[in-house]
Amino acid sequence: TKLGYMDLSGKVTDIVDNVGGTTLGRPYASGS
């Protein structure tokens, strides 16, 4: 789960790739 930035031309810049950890039971994607 990544956090990115998209400018108004649609270009994407990745910031981090380690968002998540809010589902304790099984390793699903999550986070905010």
Full PDB file with SEQRES, HELIX, SHEET, SSBOND, CRYST1, ORIGX, SCALE, CONECT and MASTER records, all heavy atoms in Angstrom:
SEQRES   1 A   32  THR LYS LEU GLY TYR MET ASP LEU SER GLY LYS VAL THR          
SEQRES   2 A   32  ASP ILE VAL ASP ASN VAL GLY GLY THR THR LEU GLY ARG          
SEQRES   3 A   32  PRO TYR ALA SER GLY SER                                      
SHEET    1 AA1 2 LEU A   3  MET A   6  0                                        
SHEET    2 AA1 2 VAL A  12  VAL A  16 -1                                        
CRYST1    1.000    1.000    1.000  90.00  90.00  90.00 P 1           1          
ORIGX1      1.000000  0.000000  0.000000        0.00000                         
ORIGX2      0.000000  1.000000  0.000000        0.00000                         
ORIGX3      0.000000  0.000000  1.000000        0.00000                         
SCALE1      1.000000  0.000000  0.000000        0.00000                         
SCALE2      0.000000  1.000000  0.000000        0.00000                         
SCALE3      0.000000  0.000000  1.000000        0.00000                         
ATOM      1  N   THR A   1       0.862  -1.183   0.000  1.00  0.00           N  
ATOM      2  CA  THR A   1       0.000   0.000   0.000  1.00  0.00           C  
ATOM      3  C   THR A   1       0.896   1.230   0.000  1.00  0.00           C  
ATOM      4  O   THR A   1       1.671   1.448   0.936  1.00  0.00           O  
ATOM      5  CB  THR A   1      -0.928   0.005   1.213  1.00  0.00           C  
ATOM      6  OG1 THR A   1      -1.711  -1.192   1.199  1.00  0.00           O  
ATOM      7  CG2 THR A   1      -1.857   1.204   1.162  1.00  0.00           C  
ATOM      8  N   LYS A   2       0.773   2.012  -1.056  1.00  0.00           N  
ATOM      9  CA  LYS A   2       1.662   3.145  -1.274  1.00  0.00           C  
ATOM     10  C   LYS A   2       0.930   4.470  -1.047  1.00  0.00           C  
ATOM     11  O   LYS A   2      -0.283   4.561  -1.199  1.00  0.00           O  
ATOM     12  CB  LYS A   2       2.225   3.111  -2.697  1.00  0.00           C  
ATOM     13  CG  LYS A   2       3.095   1.897  -2.990  1.00  0.00           C  
ATOM     14  CD  LYS A   2       3.665   1.947  -4.397  1.00  0.00           C  
ATOM     15  CE  LYS A   2       4.618   0.788  -4.654  1.00  0.00           C  
ATOM     16  NZ  LYS A   2       5.213   0.847  -6.030  1.00  0.00           N  
ATOM     17  N   LEU A   3       1.710   5.456  -0.712  1.00  0.00           N  
ATOM     18  CA  LEU A   3       1.239   6.832  -0.625  1.00  0.00           C  
ATOM     19  C   LEU A   3       1.948   7.603  -1.725  1.00  0.00           C  
ATOM     20  O   LEU A   3       3.185   7.586  -1.818  1.00  0.00           O  
ATOM     21  CB  LEU A   3       1.570   7.411   0.745  1.00  0.00           C  
ATOM     22  CG  LEU A   3       1.222   8.875   1.012  1.00  0.00           C  
ATOM     23  CD1 LEU A   3      -0.264   9.099   0.856  1.00  0.00           C  
ATOM     24  CD2 LEU A   3       1.665   9.261   2.421  1.00  0.00           C  
ATOM     25  N   GLY A   4       1.160   8.241  -2.590  1.00  0.00           N  
ATOM     26  CA  GLY A   4       1.742   8.944  -3.719  1.00  0.00           C  
ATOM     27  C   GLY A   4       1.195  10.353  -3.857  1.00  0.00           C  
ATOM     28  O   GLY A   4       0.273  10.774  -3.155  1.00  0.00           O  
ATOM     29  N   TYR A   5       1.786  11.069  -4.792  1.00  0.00           N  
ATOM     30  CA  TYR A   5       1.347  12.427  -5.132  1.00  0.00           C  
ATOM     31  C   TYR A   5       1.147  12.475  -6.642  1.00  0.00           C  
ATOM     32  O   TYR A   5       2.000  12.021  -7.421  1.00  0.00           O  
ATOM     33  CB  TYR A   5       2.391  13.456  -4.710  1.00  0.00           C  
ATOM     34  CG  TYR A   5       2.089  14.872  -5.168  1.00  0.00           C  
ATOM     35  CD1 TYR A   5       1.239  15.696  -4.439  1.00  0.00           C  
ATOM     36  CD2 TYR A   5       2.650  15.374  -6.340  1.00  0.00           C  
ATOM     37  CE1 TYR A   5       0.956  16.992  -4.856  1.00  0.00           C  
ATOM     38  CE2 TYR A   5       2.382  16.669  -6.770  1.00  0.00           C  
ATOM     39  CZ  TYR A   5       1.537  17.472  -6.022  1.00  0.00           C  
ATOM     40  OH  TYR A   5       1.254  18.751  -6.444  1.00  0.00           O  
ATOM     41  N   MET A   6       0.002  13.004  -7.071  1.00  0.00           N  
ATOM     42  CA  MET A   6      -0.298  13.120  -8.493  1.00  0.00           C  
ATOM     43  C   MET A   6      -0.527  14.585  -8.842  1.00  0.00           C  
ATOM     44  O   MET A   6      -1.380  15.243  -8.240  1.00  0.00           O  
ATOM     45  CB  MET A   6      -1.540  12.294  -8.840  1.00  0.00           C  
ATOM     46  CG  MET A   6      -1.872  12.262 -10.331  1.00  0.00           C  
ATOM     47  SD  MET A   6      -3.349  11.257 -10.697  1.00  0.00           S  
ATOM     48  CE  MET A   6      -2.809   9.629 -10.170  1.00  0.00           C  
ATOM     49  N   ASP A   7       0.255  15.089  -9.801  1.00  0.00           N  
ATOM     50  CA  ASP A   7       0.043  16.477 -10.216  1.00  0.00           C  
ATOM     51  C   ASP A   7      -1.107  16.533 -11.217  1.00  0.00           C  
ATOM     52  O   ASP A   7      -1.686  15.505 -11.593  1.00  0.00           O  
ATOM     53  CB  ASP A   7       1.324  17.096 -10.763  1.00  0.00           C  
ATOM     54  CG  ASP A   7       1.826  16.462 -12.059  1.00  0.00           C  
ATOM     55  OD1 ASP A   7       1.018  15.841 -12.779  1.00  0.00           O  
ATOM     56  OD2 ASP A   7       3.024  16.585 -12.362  1.00  0.00           O  
ATOM     57  N   LEU A   8      -1.463  17.716 -11.663  1.00  0.00           N  
ATOM     58  CA  LEU A   8      -2.647  17.879 -12.496  1.00  0.00           C  
ATOM     59  C   LEU A   8      -2.438  17.427 -13.934  1.00  0.00           C  
ATOM     60  O   LEU A   8      -3.372  17.473 -14.746  1.00  0.00           O  
ATOM     61  CB  LEU A   8      -3.110  19.338 -12.456  1.00  0.00           C  
ATOM     62  CG  LEU A   8      -3.556  19.834 -11.074  1.00  0.00           C  
ATOM     63  CD1 LEU A   8      -4.139  21.236 -11.170  1.00  0.00           C  
ATOM     64  CD2 LEU A   8      -4.548  18.883 -10.435  1.00  0.00           C  
ATOM     65  N   SER A   9      -1.234  16.942 -14.262  1.00  0.00           N  
ATOM     66  CA  SER A   9      -1.016  16.301 -15.556  1.00  0.00           C  
ATOM     67  C   SER A   9      -1.126  14.783 -15.444  1.00  0.00           C  
ATOM     68  O   SER A   9      -1.037  14.075 -16.449  1.00  0.00           O  
ATOM     69  CB  SER A   9       0.362  16.674 -16.111  1.00  0.00           C  
ATOM     70  OG  SER A   9       1.398  16.058 -15.348  1.00  0.00           O  
ATOM     71  N   GLY A  10      -1.305  14.282 -14.211  1.00  0.00           N  
ATOM     72  CA  GLY A  10      -1.410  12.845 -13.991  1.00  0.00           C  
ATOM     73  C   GLY A  10      -0.111  12.173 -13.626  1.00  0.00           C  
ATOM     74  O   GLY A  10      -0.075  10.951 -13.428  1.00  0.00           O  
ATOM     75  N   LYS A  11       0.972  12.929 -13.510  1.00  0.00           N  
ATOM     76  CA  LYS A  11       2.259  12.339 -13.144  1.00  0.00           C  
ATOM     77  C   LYS A  11       2.244  11.931 -11.678  1.00  0.00           C  
ATOM     78  O   LYS A  11       1.840  12.694 -10.803  1.00  0.00           O  
ATOM     79  CB  LYS A  11       3.386  13.341 -13.387  1.00  0.00           C  
ATOM     80  CG  LYS A  11       4.769  12.817 -13.008  1.00  0.00           C  
ATOM     81  CD  LYS A  11       5.847  13.880 -13.193  1.00  0.00           C  
ATOM     82  CE  LYS A  11       7.195  13.357 -12.723  1.00  0.00           C  
ATOM     83  NZ  LYS A  11       8.259  14.401 -12.843  1.00  0.00           N  
ATOM     84  N   VAL A  12       2.712  10.699 -11.405  1.00  0.00           N  
ATOM     85  CA  VAL A  12       2.682  10.146 -10.054  1.00  0.00           C  
ATOM     86  C   VAL A  12       4.097  10.104  -9.476  1.00  0.00           C  
ATOM     87  O   VAL A  12       5.038   9.653 -10.130  1.00  0.00           O  
ATOM     88  CB  VAL A  12       2.087   8.727 -10.047  1.00  0.00           C  
ATOM     89  CG1 VAL A  12       2.189   8.089  -8.657  1.00  0.00           C  
ATOM     90  CG2 VAL A  12       0.637   8.762 -10.505  1.00  0.00           C  
ATOM     91  N   THR A  13       4.218  10.584  -8.240  1.00  0.00           N  
ATOM     92  CA  THR A  13       5.468  10.480  -7.486  1.00  0.00           C  
ATOM     93  C   THR A  13       5.184   9.680  -6.220  1.00  0.00           C  
ATOM     94  O   THR A  13       4.345  10.065  -5.410  1.00  0.00           O  
ATOM     95  CB  THR A  13       6.002  11.869  -7.097  1.00  0.00           C  
ATOM     96  OG1 THR A  13       6.197  12.650  -8.281  1.00  0.00           O  
ATOM     97  CG2 THR A  13       7.312  11.748  -6.334  1.00  0.00           C  
ATOM     98  N   ASP A  14       5.860   8.542  -6.074  1.00  0.00           N  
ATOM     99  CA  ASP A  14       5.687   7.736  -4.872  1.00  0.00           C  
ATOM    100  C   ASP A  14       6.394   8.386  -3.689  1.00  0.00           C  
ATOM    101  O   ASP A  14       7.486   8.934  -3.827  1.00  0.00           O  
ATOM    102  CB  ASP A  14       6.238   6.327  -5.080  1.00  0.00           C  
ATOM    103  CG  ASP A  14       5.320   5.469  -5.941  1.00  0.00           C  
ATOM    104  OD1 ASP A  14       4.140   5.826  -6.084  1.00  0.00           O  
ATOM    105  OD2 ASP A  14       5.790   4.442  -6.471  1.00  0.00           O  
ATOM    106  N   ILE A  15       5.751   8.300  -2.531  1.00  0.00           N  
ATOM    107  CA  ILE A  15       6.323   8.874  -1.309  1.00  0.00           C  
ATOM    108  C   ILE A  15       6.757   7.767  -0.362  1.00  0.00           C  
ATOM    109  O   ILE A  15       7.909   7.733   0.072  1.00  0.00           O  
ATOM    110  CB  ILE A  15       5.302   9.812  -0.636  1.00  0.00           C  
ATOM    111  CG1 ILE A  15       4.936  10.951  -1.597  1.00  0.00           C  
ATOM    112  CG2 ILE A  15       5.872  10.385   0.672  1.00  0.00           C  
ATOM    113  CD1 ILE A  15       3.788  11.817  -1.125  1.00  0.00           C  
ATOM    114  N   VAL A  16       5.862   6.838  -0.020  1.00  0.00           N  
ATOM    115  CA  VAL A  16       6.221   5.668   0.789  1.00  0.00           C  
ATOM    116  C   VAL A  16       5.463   4.463   0.245  1.00  0.00           C  
ATOM    117  O   VAL A  16       4.458   4.597  -0.461  1.00  0.00           O  
ATOM    118  CB  VAL A  16       5.893   5.851   2.290  1.00  0.00           C  
ATOM    119  CG1 VAL A  16       6.741   6.949   2.903  1.00  0.00           C  
ATOM    120  CG2 VAL A  16       4.418   6.133   2.502  1.00  0.00           C  
ATOM    121  N   ASP A  17       5.930   3.264   0.590  1.00  0.00           N  
ATOM    122  CA  ASP A  17       5.255   2.037   0.160  1.00  0.00           C  
ATOM    123  C   ASP A  17       4.957   1.119   1.335  1.00  0.00           C  
ATOM    124  O   ASP A  17       4.887  -0.102   1.181  1.00  0.00           O  
ATOM    125  CB  ASP A  17       6.105   1.294  -0.879  1.00  0.00           C  
ATOM    126  CG  ASP A  17       7.445   0.830  -0.343  1.00  0.00           C  
ATOM    127  OD1 ASP A  17       7.736   1.054   0.857  1.00  0.00           O  
ATOM    128  OD2 ASP A  17       8.220   0.223  -1.115  1.00  0.00           O  
ATOM    129  N   ASN A  18       4.773   1.707   2.521  1.00  0.00           N  
ATOM    130  CA  ASN A  18       4.579   0.887   3.721  1.00  0.00           C  
ATOM    131  C   ASN A  18       3.407   1.377   4.569  1.00  0.00           C  
ATOM    132  O   ASN A  18       3.477   1.414   5.792  1.00  0.00           O  
ATOM    133  CB  ASN A  18       5.862   0.851   4.551  1.00  0.00           C  
ATOM    134  CG  ASN A  18       6.365   2.248   4.930  1.00  0.00           C  
ATOM    135  OD1 ASN A  18       5.729   3.249   4.608  1.00  0.00           O  
ATOM    136  ND2 ASN A  18       7.494   2.299   5.605  1.00  0.00           N  
ATOM    137  N   VAL A  19       2.307   1.729   3.905  1.00  0.00           N  
ATOM    138  CA  VAL A  19       1.105   2.129   4.623  1.00  0.00           C  
ATOM    139  C   VAL A  19       0.324   0.867   5.008  1.00  0.00           C  
ATOM    140  O   VAL A  19       0.314  -0.114   4.258  1.00  0.00           O  
ATOM    141  CB  VAL A  19       0.219   3.044   3.756  1.00  0.00           C  
ATOM    142  CG1 VAL A  19      -1.012   3.501   4.528  1.00  0.00           C  
ATOM    143  CG2 VAL A  19       1.018   4.232   3.250  1.00  0.00           C  
ATOM    144  N   GLY A  20      -0.322   0.864   6.161  1.00  0.00           N  
ATOM    145  CA  GLY A  20      -1.161  -0.280   6.524  1.00  0.00           C  
ATOM    146  C   GLY A  20      -1.089  -0.597   7.999  1.00  0.00           C  
ATOM    147  O   GLY A  20      -0.870   0.276   8.841  1.00  0.00           O  
ATOM    148  N   GLY A  21      -1.296  -1.876   8.313  1.00  0.00           N  
ATOM    149  CA  GLY A  21      -1.135  -2.358   9.675  1.00  0.00           C  
ATOM    150  C   GLY A  21      -2.331  -2.201  10.576  1.00  0.00           C  
ATOM    151  O   GLY A  21      -2.225  -2.392  11.783  1.00  0.00           O  
ATOM    152  N   THR A  22      -3.514  -1.866  10.020  1.00  0.00           N  
ATOM    153  CA  THR A  22      -4.682  -1.631  10.875  1.00  0.00           C  
ATOM    154  C   THR A  22      -5.684  -2.785  10.834  1.00  0.00           C  
ATOM    155  O   THR A  22      -6.776  -2.674  11.378  1.00  0.00           O  
ATOM    156  CB  THR A  22      -5.391  -0.321  10.485  1.00  0.00           C  
ATOM    157  OG1 THR A  22      -5.832  -0.396   9.131  1.00  0.00           O  
ATOM    158  CG2 THR A  22      -4.456   0.858  10.644  1.00  0.00           C  
ATOM    159  N   THR A  23      -5.335  -3.893  10.182  1.00  0.00           N  
ATOM    160  CA  THR A  23      -6.148  -5.107  10.250  1.00  0.00           C  
ATOM    161  C   THR A  23      -5.328  -6.158  10.970  1.00  0.00           C  
ATOM    162  O   THR A  23      -4.306  -6.600  10.467  1.00  0.00           O  
ATOM    163  CB  THR A  23      -6.552  -5.611   8.857  1.00  0.00           C  
ATOM    164  OG1 THR A  23      -5.382  -5.903   8.098  1.00  0.00           O  
ATOM    165  CG2 THR A  23      -7.369  -4.576   8.118  1.00  0.00           C  
ATOM    166  N   LEU A  24      -5.761  -6.573  12.147  1.00  0.00           N  
ATOM    167  CA  LEU A  24      -4.941  -7.446  12.988  1.00  0.00           C  
ATOM    168  C   LEU A  24      -5.074  -8.915  12.647  1.00  0.00           C  
ATOM    169  O   LEU A  24      -4.147  -9.688  12.837  1.00  0.00           O  
ATOM    170  CB  LEU A  24      -5.295  -7.244  14.462  1.00  0.00           C  
ATOM    171  CG  LEU A  24      -5.003  -5.876  15.068  1.00  0.00           C  
ATOM    172  CD1 LEU A  24      -5.180  -5.922  16.575  1.00  0.00           C  
ATOM    173  CD2 LEU A  24      -3.600  -5.408  14.716  1.00  0.00           C  
ATOM    174  N   GLY A  25      -6.242  -9.345  12.177  1.00  0.00           N  
ATOM    175  CA  GLY A  25      -6.470 -10.766  11.974  1.00  0.00           C  
ATOM    176  C   GLY A  25      -5.623 -11.347  10.871  1.00  0.00           C  
ATOM    177  O   GLY A  25      -4.779 -12.211  11.100  1.00  0.00           O  
ATOM    178  N   ARG A  26      -5.843 -10.873   9.643  1.00  0.00           N  
ATOM    179  CA  ARG A  26      -5.109 -11.386   8.487  1.00  0.00           C  
ATOM    180  C   ARG A  26      -4.445 -10.217   7.751  1.00  0.00           C  
ATOM    181  O   ARG A  26      -4.830  -9.068   7.942  1.00  0.00           O  
ATOM    182  CB  ARG A  26      -6.064 -12.165   7.584  1.00  0.00           C  
ATOM    183  CG  ARG A  26      -6.537 -13.463   8.225  1.00  0.00           C  
ATOM    184  CD  ARG A  26      -7.420 -14.281   7.301  1.00  0.00           C  
ATOM    185  NE  ARG A  26      -8.774 -13.758   7.227  1.00  0.00           N  
ATOM    186  CZ  ARG A  26      -9.669 -14.136   6.309  1.00  0.00           C  
ATOM    187  NH1 ARG A  26      -9.335 -14.990   5.372  1.00  0.00           N  
ATOM    188  NH2 ARG A  26     -10.884 -13.633   6.314  1.00  0.00           N  
ATOM    189  N   PRO A  27      -3.448 -10.494   6.905  1.00  0.00           N  
ATOM    190  CA  PRO A  27      -2.590  -9.417   6.368  1.00  0.00           C  
ATOM    191  C   PRO A  27      -3.172  -8.686   5.166  1.00  0.00           C  
ATOM    192  O   PRO A  27      -2.547  -8.603   4.098  1.00  0.00           O  
ATOM    193  CB  PRO A  27      -1.299 -10.164   6.006  1.00  0.00           C  
ATOM    194  CG  PRO A  27      -1.757 -11.540   5.648  1.00  0.00           C  
ATOM    195  CD  PRO A  27      -2.911 -11.846   6.560  1.00  0.00           C  
ATOM    196  N   TYR A  28      -4.363  -8.119   5.339  1.00  0.00           N  
ATOM    197  CA  TYR A  28      -4.982  -7.359   4.260  1.00  0.00           C  
ATOM    198  C   TYR A  28      -4.390  -5.953   4.147  1.00  0.00           C  
ATOM    199  O   TYR A  28      -3.858  -5.405   5.110  1.00  0.00           O  
ATOM    200  CB  TYR A  28      -6.487  -7.240   4.491  1.00  0.00           C  
ATOM    201  CG  TYR A  28      -7.261  -8.503   4.220  1.00  0.00           C  
ATOM    202  CD1 TYR A  28      -7.867  -9.199   5.252  1.00  0.00           C  
ATOM    203  CD2 TYR A  28      -7.383  -8.994   2.924  1.00  0.00           C  
ATOM    204  CE1 TYR A  28      -8.588 -10.362   5.002  1.00  0.00           C  
ATOM    205  CE2 TYR A  28      -8.099 -10.154   2.664  1.00  0.00           C  
ATOM    206  CZ  TYR A  28      -8.700 -10.837   3.706  1.00  0.00           C  
ATOM    207  OH  TYR A  28      -9.398 -11.983   3.453  1.00  0.00           O  
ATOM    208  N   ALA A  29      -4.537  -5.378   2.957  1.00  0.00           N  
ATOM    209  CA  ALA A  29      -4.192  -3.970   2.758  1.00  0.00           C  
ATOM    210  C   ALA A  29      -5.097  -3.102   3.622  1.00  0.00           C  
ATOM    211  O   ALA A  29      -6.280  -3.386   3.785  1.00  0.00           O  
ATOM    212  CB  ALA A  29      -4.344  -3.593   1.284  1.00  0.00           C  
ATOM    213  N   SER A  30      -4.538  -2.034   4.180  1.00  0.00           N  
ATOM    214  CA  SER A  30      -5.307  -1.140   5.052  1.00  0.00           C  
ATOM    215  C   SER A  30      -4.515   0.155   5.204  1.00  0.00           C  
ATOM    216  O   SER A  30      -3.524   0.375   4.518  1.00  0.00           O  
ATOM    217  CB  SER A  30      -5.551  -1.791   6.422  1.00  0.00           C  
ATOM    218  OG  SER A  30      -4.320  -2.019   7.104  1.00  0.00           O  
ATOM    219  N   GLY A  31      -4.942   0.987   6.152  1.00  0.00           N  
ATOM    220  CA  GLY A  31      -4.184   2.186   6.483  1.00  0.00           C  
ATOM    221  C   GLY A  31      -4.861   3.475   6.070  1.00  0.00           C  
ATOM    222  O   GLY A  31      -5.864   3.485   5.351  1.00  0.00           O  
ATOM    223  N   SER A  32      -4.299   4.583   6.557  1.00  0.00           N  
ATOM    224  CA  SER A  32      -4.834   5.907   6.251  1.00  0.00           C  
ATOM    225  C   SER A  32      -3.750   6.952   6.464  1.00  0.00           C  
ATOM    226  O   SER A  32      -2.685   6.665   7.024  1.00  0.00           O  
ATOM    227  CB  SER A  32      -6.057   6.220   7.125  1.00  0.00           C  
ATOM    228  OG  SER A  32      -5.736   6.123   8.496  1.00  0.00           O  
TER     229      SER A  32                                                      
MASTER        0    0    0    0    2    0    0    6  228    1    0    3          
END                                                                             
